[in-house]
Amino acid sequence: MTNKREKIRAQMKSRFYYMFWGAATIAVVSGQLYVGTSYRTMARSMNRWFEETIDIMQEPVKQRRDSGGYYMPVPVPENYGMTIIQ
C-alpha cells in the first residue's frame, strides 16, 4: 500500500503542473493575438498600397500633341506602300 506521504508529494506536483500549463496557455494565446493584430495591420497597409497602385494605373495617360516625343506613331495599312500581295 502507498503511504500518506507519497500521496501528499503527488499533490504538490500537480499544483506546479497546473501553474505551468496555465502560464503556457496564456503565453500561446497572447502570442496568437499579437500575430493576428499584426497580420490585420499588414493586410490593411497592403490593401491601401494596392488601391493606390490601381488608381495610378487607371489614370488616363496625357498624350502630348507635339511631335517632340521619342516614339514614332504606329503606321496604318495605307502607309505601308506597295506590298507583295495585292
C-alpha atoms as a PDB file:
ATOM      1  CA  MET A   1       0.000   0.000   0.000  1.00  0.00           C
ATOM      2  CA  THR A   2       1.048   3.510  -0.542  1.00  0.00           C
ATOM      3  CA  ASN A   3       1.572   5.634   2.453  1.00  0.00           C
ATOM      4  CA  LYS A   4       0.171   9.087   3.081  1.00  0.00           C
ATOM      5  CA  ARG A   5       3.482  10.908   2.450  1.00  0.00           C
ATOM      6  CA  GLU A   6       3.644   9.734  -1.195  1.00  0.00           C
ATOM      7  CA  LYS A   7       0.101  10.947  -1.834  1.00  0.00           C
ATOM      8  CA  ILE A   8       0.883  14.402  -0.416  1.00  0.00           C
ATOM      9  CA  ARG A   9       4.006  14.675  -2.581  1.00  0.00           C
ATOM     10  CA  ALA A  10       1.990  13.774  -5.706  1.00  0.00           C
ATOM     11  CA  GLN A  11      -0.481  16.525  -4.883  1.00  0.00           C
ATOM     12  CA  MET A  12       2.345  19.061  -4.614  1.00  0.00           C
ATOM     13  CA  LYS A  13       3.471  18.161  -8.125  1.00  0.00           C
ATOM     14  CA  SER A  14       0.001  18.672  -9.552  1.00  0.00           C
ATOM     15  CA  ARG A  15      -0.103  22.273  -8.300  1.00  0.00           C
ATOM     16  CA  PHE A  16       3.023  23.143 -10.303  1.00  0.00           C
ATOM     17  CA  TYR A  17       1.660  21.193 -13.245  1.00  0.00           C
ATOM     18  CA  TYR A  18      -1.432  23.386 -13.442  1.00  0.00           C
ATOM     19  CA  MET A  19       0.593  26.561 -12.939  1.00  0.00           C
ATOM     20  CA  PHE A  20       2.939  25.592 -15.779  1.00  0.00           C
ATOM     21  CA  TRP A  21       0.195  24.733 -18.243  1.00  0.00           C
ATOM     22  CA  GLY A  22      -1.800  27.820 -17.278  1.00  0.00           C
ATOM     23  CA  ALA A  23       1.209  30.047 -17.960  1.00  0.00           C
ATOM     24  CA  ALA A  24       1.933  28.222 -21.207  1.00  0.00           C
ATOM     25  CA  THR A  25      -1.675  28.666 -22.340  1.00  0.00           C
ATOM     26  CA  ILE A  26      -1.614  32.384 -21.566  1.00  0.00           C
ATOM     27  CA  ALA A  27       1.667  32.775 -23.465  1.00  0.00           C
ATOM     28  CA  VAL A  28       0.339  30.972 -26.544  1.00  0.00           C
ATOM     29  CA  VAL A  29      -2.958  32.873 -26.603  1.00  0.00           C
ATOM     30  CA  SER A  30      -1.241  36.244 -26.190  1.00  0.00           C
ATOM     31  CA  GLY A  31       1.189  35.353 -28.986  1.00  0.00           C
ATOM     32  CA  GLN A  32      -1.696  34.431 -31.267  1.00  0.00           C
ATOM     33  CA  LEU A  33      -3.402  37.742 -30.526  1.00  0.00           C
ATOM     34  CA  TYR A  34      -0.188  39.628 -31.288  1.00  0.00           C
ATOM     35  CA  VAL A  35       0.314  37.829 -34.591  1.00  0.00           C
ATOM     36  CA  GLY A  36      -3.352  38.287 -35.533  1.00  0.00           C
ATOM     37  CA  THR A  37      -3.324  42.033 -34.929  1.00  0.00           C
ATOM     38  CA  SER A  38      -0.030  42.397 -36.798  1.00  0.00           C
ATOM     39  CA  TYR A  39      -1.427  40.449 -39.750  1.00  0.00           C
ATOM     40  CA  ARG A  40      -4.529  42.641 -39.818  1.00  0.00           C
ATOM     41  CA  THR A  41      -2.383  45.788 -39.798  1.00  0.00           C
ATOM     42  CA  MET A  42      -0.227  44.430 -42.617  1.00  0.00           C
ATOM     43  CA  ALA A  43      -3.296  43.489 -44.669  1.00  0.00           C
ATOM     44  CA  ARG A  44      -4.735  46.993 -44.294  1.00  0.00           C
ATOM     45  CA  SER A  45      -1.500  48.624 -45.414  1.00  0.00           C
ATOM     46  CA  MET A  46      -1.211  46.245 -48.380  1.00  0.00           C
ATOM     47  CA  ASN A  47      -4.811  46.980 -49.397  1.00  0.00           C
ATOM     48  CA  ARG A  48      -4.100  50.693 -49.192  1.00  0.00           C
ATOM     49  CA  TRP A  49      -0.970  50.248 -51.321  1.00  0.00           C
ATOM     50  CA  PHE A  50      -2.824  48.144 -53.912  1.00  0.00           C
ATOM     51  CA  GLU A  51      -5.661  50.666 -54.138  1.00  0.00           C
ATOM     52  CA  GLU A  52      -3.206  53.498 -54.764  1.00  0.00           C
ATOM     53  CA  THR A  53      -1.422  51.434 -57.419  1.00  0.00           C
ATOM     54  CA  ILE A  54      -4.699  50.584 -59.160  1.00  0.00           C
ATOM     55  CA  ASP A  55      -5.758  54.240 -59.074  1.00  0.00           C
ATOM     56  CA  ILE A  56      -2.464  55.266 -60.650  1.00  0.00           C
ATOM     57  CA  MET A  57      -2.799  52.590 -63.326  1.00  0.00           C
ATOM     58  CA  GLN A  58      -6.352  53.678 -64.170  1.00  0.00           C
ATOM     59  CA  GLU A  59      -5.498  57.347 -64.624  1.00  0.00           C
ATOM     60  CA  PRO A  60      -5.629  58.320 -68.276  1.00  0.00           C
ATOM     61  CA  VAL A  61      -2.243  58.964 -69.790  1.00  0.00           C
ATOM     62  CA  LYS A  62      -1.899  62.505 -71.046  1.00  0.00           C
ATOM     63  CA  GLN A  63      -0.622  62.314 -74.590  1.00  0.00           C
ATOM     64  CA  ARG A  64       1.446  65.115 -75.949  1.00  0.00           C
ATOM     65  CA  ARG A  65       0.187  66.607 -79.169  1.00  0.00           C
ATOM     66  CA  ASP A  66       3.523  67.962 -80.272  1.00  0.00           C
ATOM     67  CA  SER A  67       5.976  65.803 -82.170  1.00  0.00           C
ATOM     68  CA  GLY A  68       8.682  66.077 -79.568  1.00  0.00           C
ATOM     69  CA  GLY A  69       8.240  62.505 -78.380  1.00  0.00           C
ATOM     70  CA  TYR A  70      10.696  59.647 -78.632  1.00  0.00           C
ATOM     71  CA  TYR A  71       8.416  57.163 -80.377  1.00  0.00           C
ATOM     72  CA  MET A  72       7.177  57.041 -83.925  1.00  0.00           C
ATOM     73  CA  PRO A  73       3.439  56.740 -84.477  1.00  0.00           C
ATOM     74  CA  VAL A  74       2.061  53.322 -85.347  1.00  0.00           C
ATOM     75  CA  PRO A  75       1.633  53.071 -89.124  1.00  0.00           C
ATOM     76  CA  VAL A  76      -1.749  52.262 -90.598  1.00  0.00           C
ATOM     77  CA  PRO A  77      -2.037  49.827 -93.541  1.00  0.00           C
ATOM     78  CA  GLU A  78      -2.418  52.697 -96.041  1.00  0.00           C
ATOM     79  CA  ASN A  79       1.079  53.892 -95.147  1.00  0.00           C
ATOM     80  CA  TYR A  80       2.750  50.556 -95.917  1.00  0.00           C
ATOM     81  CA  GLY A  81       3.222  51.384 -99.570  1.00  0.00           C
ATOM     82  CA  MET A  82       3.454  48.704-102.186  1.00  0.00           C
ATOM     83  CA  THR A  83       3.052  45.203-100.777  1.00  0.00           C
ATOM     84  CA  ILE A  84       3.928  41.864-102.369  1.00  0.00           C
ATOM     85  CA  ILE A  85       0.361  40.526-102.332  1.00  0.00           C
ATOM     86  CA  GLN A  86      -2.219  42.832-103.844  1.00  0.00           C
END
